[in-house]
Protein backbone atom coordinates (compact mmCIF):
# COMPACT_ATOMS: atom_id res chain seq x y z
CA MET A 1 19.47 156.58 86.25
CA GLN A 2 21.24 154.16 83.94
CA ASP A 3 23.84 155.33 81.45
CA LYS A 4 23.45 153.86 78.02
CA LYS A 5 26.44 151.86 76.90
CA MET A 6 27.00 152.53 73.23
CA GLU A 7 29.96 151.59 71.10
CA THR A 8 29.77 154.60 68.78
CA PRO A 9 27.18 157.14 69.80
CA GLU A 10 26.19 159.60 67.11
CA LEU A 11 26.66 163.16 68.34
CA ASN A 12 26.43 166.59 66.79
CA SER A 13 29.69 167.87 65.35
CA HIS A 14 31.78 170.34 67.33
CA ASN A 15 33.68 173.13 65.60
CA LYS A 16 35.95 174.30 68.39
CA GLN A 17 38.85 172.83 70.32
CA GLU A 18 38.70 174.24 73.86
CA TYR A 19 41.57 174.38 76.32
CA PRO A 20 40.43 171.52 78.62
CA PRO A 21 41.42 173.06 82.01
CA MET A 22 39.62 176.33 81.23
CA HIS A 23 36.58 174.63 79.74
CA THR A 24 36.22 172.36 82.78
CA THR A 25 36.54 175.44 85.00
CA GLU A 26 33.62 176.98 83.11
CA HIS A 27 31.49 174.00 84.18
CA ILE A 28 32.54 174.47 87.82
CA LEU A 29 31.92 178.24 87.69
CA ASN A 30 28.49 177.69 86.12
CA GLN A 31 27.43 175.29 88.87
CA THR A 32 28.80 177.63 91.53
CA MET A 33 26.71 180.50 90.13
CA VAL A 34 23.60 178.30 89.95
CA ARG A 35 24.07 177.24 93.58
CA MET A 36 24.91 180.68 94.94
CA PHE A 37 22.48 182.84 92.98
CA GLY A 38 19.85 180.47 91.58
CA CYS A 39 20.58 181.84 88.11
CA PRO A 40 20.86 179.85 84.89
CA ARG A 41 24.25 178.67 83.63
CA SER A 42 26.16 181.30 81.62
CA ARG A 43 24.20 182.94 78.82
CA ASN A 44 27.31 183.67 76.83
CA ALA A 45 30.83 182.37 77.30
CA HIS A 46 34.14 182.95 75.56
CA ILE A 47 36.59 180.31 76.78
CA GLU A 48 40.25 180.65 75.82
CA ARG A 49 43.60 179.46 77.17
CA LYS A 50 44.89 182.78 78.58
CA LYS A 51 41.63 184.30 79.83
CA SER A 52 37.93 183.64 79.56
CA LYS A 53 34.62 185.34 80.25
CA CYS A 54 31.11 184.27 81.16
CA ASP A 55 27.89 186.27 81.37
CA TYR A 56 25.23 185.58 83.99
CA LEU A 57 21.73 187.00 84.24
CA LEU A 58 21.35 188.44 87.74
CA SER A 59 19.00 190.97 89.34
CA GLU A 60 21.95 192.84 90.86
CA ALA A 61 25.72 192.81 90.82
CA PRO A 62 27.41 190.42 93.24
CA THR A 63 29.07 192.12 96.19
CA GLU A 64 32.84 191.96 96.64
CA GLU A 65 32.22 189.46 99.45
CA GLN A 66 30.15 187.27 97.10
CA ILE A 67 32.83 187.53 94.41
CA ALA A 68 35.42 186.32 96.93
CA GLN A 69 33.05 183.49 97.84
CA ILE A 70 32.69 182.53 94.15
CA THR A 71 36.48 182.40 93.82
CA ASN A 72 36.86 180.35 97.00
CA SER A 73 34.09 177.93 96.04
CA VAL A 74 35.47 177.31 92.53
CA ASN A 75 38.98 176.76 93.91
CA GLU A 76 37.65 174.43 96.62
CA VAL A 77 36.01 172.25 93.96
CA ILE A 78 39.17 172.30 91.84
CA SER A 79 41.34 171.31 94.82
CA SER A 80 39.00 168.41 95.65
CA ASN A 81 40.62 166.37 92.86
CA LEU A 82 37.27 165.31 91.44
CA PRO A 83 37.07 162.94 88.47
CA VAL A 84 35.61 164.41 85.28
CA THR A 85 33.61 161.67 83.55
CA ILE A 86 31.70 161.22 80.33
CA SER A 87 28.50 159.25 79.87
CA PHE A 88 25.96 158.95 77.07
CA VAL A 89 22.22 159.00 77.68
CA ASP A 90 19.21 159.42 75.45
CA LYS A 91 17.73 162.89 75.23
CA GLU A 92 14.54 161.99 77.11
CA GLU A 93 16.48 160.64 80.08
CA ALA A 94 18.90 163.60 80.02
CA ALA A 95 15.95 166.00 80.20
CA SER A 96 14.97 164.44 83.52
CA PHE A 97 18.14 165.72 85.23
CA LEU A 98 19.66 168.38 82.95
CA ASP A 99 18.55 171.70 81.50
CA LEU A 100 18.64 171.06 77.77
CA GLY A 101 17.46 174.57 76.86
CA LYS A 102 20.73 175.50 75.15
CA LEU A 103 20.82 172.44 72.89
CA PRO A 104 20.44 173.18 69.19
CA ASP A 105 17.17 172.13 67.56
CA ASP A 106 19.01 169.48 65.58
CA ALA A 107 20.70 167.94 68.66
CA SER A 108 21.24 164.21 68.38
CA GLU A 109 19.07 161.78 70.33
CA THR A 110 22.15 160.75 72.31
CA ILE A 111 23.37 163.34 74.79
CA ARG A 112 26.96 163.43 76.04
CA VAL A 113 26.94 164.25 79.74
CA ILE A 114 30.03 165.60 81.48
CA ARG A 115 30.16 165.19 85.25
CA VAL A 116 32.60 166.94 87.56
CA GLY A 117 32.47 164.53 90.49
CA ASP A 118 29.06 164.93 92.08
CA TYR A 119 29.32 168.73 91.83
CA ASP A 120 28.11 169.30 88.28
CA ALA A 121 26.49 167.53 85.36
CA CYS A 122 26.04 169.19 82.00
CA ALA A 123 25.30 168.27 78.40
CA CYS A 124 28.51 169.11 76.53
CA ILE A 125 30.50 167.99 73.49
CA GLY A 126 33.66 169.93 74.38
CA THR A 127 37.01 168.80 75.75
CA HIS A 128 37.75 168.51 79.47
CA VAL A 129 40.44 167.40 81.90
CA GLU A 130 40.18 163.94 83.47
CA ASN A 131 40.52 165.24 87.03
CA THR A 132 40.16 168.72 88.55
CA SER A 133 43.74 168.40 89.88
CA GLU A 134 44.84 169.25 86.30
CA ILE A 135 43.25 172.72 86.34
CA GLY A 136 45.30 175.10 88.48
CA LYS A 137 44.03 178.09 90.46
CA PHE A 138 40.95 180.07 89.37
CA VAL A 139 41.41 183.85 89.49
CA ILE A 140 38.79 186.49 88.68
CA ILE A 141 40.54 189.23 86.67
CA SER A 142 37.65 191.69 86.41
CA HIS A 143 33.89 191.93 86.30
CA ASP A 144 31.15 194.40 85.42
CA PHE A 145 27.38 194.61 85.69
CA SER A 146 25.03 196.18 83.15
CA GLU A 147 21.29 195.79 82.56
CA GLY A 148 20.96 192.51 84.45
CA ARG A 149 24.10 190.94 82.97
CA TRP A 150 27.11 190.26 85.16
CA ARG A 151 30.22 189.58 83.07
CA VAL A 152 33.13 187.91 84.83
CA ARG A 153 36.59 187.57 83.30
CA PHE A 154 38.93 184.95 84.70
CA LYS A 155 42.16 183.07 84.18
CA LEU A 156 43.97 180.06 85.55
CA GLU A 157 47.31 180.12 87.35
CA ASN A 158 49.59 177.21 88.18
């Protein structure tokens, strides 16, 4: 896979300024959930500086042991000091290695891909840290399960 080198790629506009450590953590949490449960990335996310939440479609609620494993896995990735990189690829190429199902219908032909080391790759136009060492510690505050939706609330600590 070759990344396209473009001087000024044309991307869709973005109307929100995320808190980079929390937004990057969302990427890591999403990939952890995909790997552990085979579920899609979060269906709904609310990412803020003090606390955030993500919803995942699951057939049953994770056990307390699985929740501890999620926490440990996310923190292990964070502590690995992985680089967070940006590349630009055309939409057709991106579709060969990314799920583009959440892209808007009017998405540009150039896709901005965010990679967290070799752990995660995702189409995203948000803001991120440059290295996972900038994130802090991931802590699950609370969670609940209802009608196939597991909502997890989390924060970051120094």
